Protein backbone atom coordinates (compact mmCIF):
# COMPACT_ATOMS: atom_id res chain seq x y z
CA MET A 1 -13.23 124.38 -3.96
CA GLU A 2 -14.55 124.87 -7.49
CA ILE A 3 -13.38 121.34 -8.34
CA LYS A 4 -15.27 119.83 -5.42
CA ILE A 5 -18.54 121.80 -5.80
CA GLN A 6 -19.66 123.73 -8.87
CA SER A 7 -23.13 125.11 -9.53
CA GLY A 8 -24.50 123.10 -6.60
CA VAL A 9 -23.08 119.81 -7.91
CA ASN A 10 -20.95 118.07 -5.31
CA LYS A 11 -18.10 115.60 -5.96
CA LEU A 12 -17.52 117.22 -9.33
CA LEU A 13 -13.97 115.88 -9.72
CA LEU A 14 -15.14 112.34 -8.96
CA ARG A 15 -18.04 112.66 -11.39
CA ARG A 16 -15.75 113.94 -14.16
CA SER A 17 -13.17 111.21 -13.56
CA MET A 18 -15.83 108.49 -13.85
CA LYS A 19 -17.39 109.83 -17.09
CA GLY A 20 -17.54 107.03 -19.62
CA ILE A 21 -17.00 104.40 -16.90
CA VAL A 22 -20.14 104.86 -14.81
CA PRO A 23 -23.51 105.35 -16.56
CA ASP A 24 -24.66 108.99 -16.78
CA THR A 25 -27.87 108.19 -14.90
CA ILE A 26 -25.77 107.25 -11.88
CA LEU A 27 -23.23 110.07 -12.28
CA ASN A 28 -25.92 112.72 -12.48
CA ARG A 29 -28.30 111.52 -9.79
CA GLY A 30 -28.97 113.88 -6.92
CA SER A 31 -28.96 111.32 -4.14
CA LYS A 32 -28.13 107.70 -3.52
CA GLY A 33 -31.66 106.70 -2.69
CA ASP A 34 -33.74 106.02 0.35
CA LEU A 35 -32.31 103.34 2.63
CA THR A 36 -35.17 103.60 5.14
CA PRO A 37 -36.79 100.27 4.17
CA LEU A 38 -33.49 98.43 4.63
CA VAL A 39 -32.96 100.02 8.04
CA TYR A 40 -36.49 99.02 9.03
CA VAL A 41 -35.90 95.37 8.02
CA GLY A 42 -32.57 95.32 9.86
CA LEU A 43 -34.08 96.87 12.95
CA LYS A 44 -36.75 94.19 13.13
CA ALA A 45 -34.27 91.38 12.46
CA GLU A 46 -31.81 92.57 15.13
CA TRP A 47 -34.35 93.79 17.70
CA ASN A 48 -33.19 91.61 20.61
CA SER A 49 -29.54 92.47 19.98
CA LEU A 50 -30.31 96.19 19.85
CA ILE A 51 -32.29 96.14 23.09
CA GLY A 52 -29.49 94.14 24.74
CA LEU A 53 -26.94 96.67 23.53
CA LEU A 54 -29.00 99.58 24.84
CA ASP A 55 -29.48 97.89 28.22
CA GLU A 56 -25.74 97.22 28.41
CA VAL A 57 -24.65 100.80 27.71
CA SER A 58 -27.62 102.56 29.30
CA PRO A 59 -25.70 103.75 32.40
CA ILE A 60 -23.29 105.68 30.16
CA LEU A 61 -25.59 106.47 27.23
CA SER A 62 -28.23 107.99 29.52
CA ASP A 63 -25.84 110.92 30.08
CA PHE A 64 -26.48 111.85 26.44
CA VAL A 65 -29.90 110.41 25.58
CA ASP A 66 -33.27 110.16 27.31
CA MET A 67 -33.38 106.35 27.25
CA VAL A 68 -37.12 106.04 27.93
CA GLN A 69 -37.95 108.38 25.05
CA PHE A 70 -35.42 106.70 22.74
CA LYS A 71 -36.66 103.16 23.44
CA ASP A 72 -40.21 104.39 22.84
CA GLU A 73 -39.12 105.90 19.51
CA LEU A 74 -37.33 102.67 18.60
CA THR A 75 -40.45 100.65 19.42
CA ARG A 76 -42.56 102.92 17.21
CA TRP A 77 -40.07 102.29 14.39
CA ARG A 78 -40.33 98.56 14.93
CA ASN A 79 -44.11 98.83 14.68
CA GLY A 80 -43.97 100.67 11.36
CA TYR A 81 -43.81 104.36 12.26
CA LEU A 82 -40.81 105.58 10.27
CA GLY A 83 -39.64 108.71 12.07
CA ASP A 84 -36.19 110.31 12.30
CA ILE A 85 -33.79 107.62 11.09
CA ALA A 86 -30.77 109.90 11.49
CA ARG A 87 -31.40 110.20 15.24
CA ILE A 88 -31.91 106.46 15.66
CA PHE A 89 -28.82 105.64 13.65
CA GLY A 90 -26.78 108.23 15.56
CA VAL A 91 -27.80 106.94 18.98
CA LEU A 92 -27.21 103.30 17.99
CA THR A 93 -23.80 104.21 16.58
CA LEU A 94 -22.93 105.96 19.84
CA ALA A 95 -24.11 102.90 21.79
CA VAL A 96 -21.87 100.58 19.76
CA TRP A 97 -18.93 102.95 20.20
CA LEU A 98 -19.49 103.22 23.95
CA ARG A 99 -19.61 99.44 24.29
CA SER A 100 -16.42 98.95 22.29
CA SER A 101 -14.58 101.88 23.89
CA TYR A 102 -15.54 101.49 27.52
CA LEU A 103 -17.37 98.31 28.41
CA SER A 104 -15.34 95.77 26.43
CA LYS A 105 -12.08 97.05 27.92
CA ASP A 106 -13.51 97.75 31.35
CA VAL A 107 -12.14 101.27 31.08
CA ARG A 108 -14.31 103.70 32.96
CA PRO A 109 -13.61 106.95 34.73
CA ALA A 110 -12.63 106.43 38.38
CA SER A 111 -15.44 108.74 39.40
CA PRO A 112 -18.11 110.46 37.33
CA PRO A 113 -17.52 114.10 36.48
CA ASP A 114 -19.35 116.68 38.54
CA ASP A 115 -21.06 118.11 35.47
CA ARG A 116 -21.55 117.22 31.81
CA TYR A 117 -18.25 118.86 30.84
CA GLY A 118 -16.06 117.10 33.39
CA ARG A 119 -15.57 120.21 35.51
CA ALA A 120 -15.54 119.98 39.26
CA GLN A 121 -18.31 121.85 41.02
CA GLN A 122 -17.12 125.04 42.71
């Protein structure tokens, strides 16, 4: 563990192995930067595709996410309010995964589970 993290510095082994190859300013930086502006541009550019994706997976995704609230949050992002990007990215990632795992293969449970954990009601 001391090779991976030392004195609060993560990826220590990687940093040491790249010394002299990668500039010190990059090796010693604390973060990779803020990607929020790029996400915002991508969100606006792919708006119709994202809404189509959400509509397509909504019957399954709504078991995990309040779709009305999420679409409202997404619309606020599109209009310039930069809120919780991690939540938006997480929900969109789940939506893509659901589409590729279930909808594209037409593989769905024969009947929905009785509760969120797949247990039959007693």
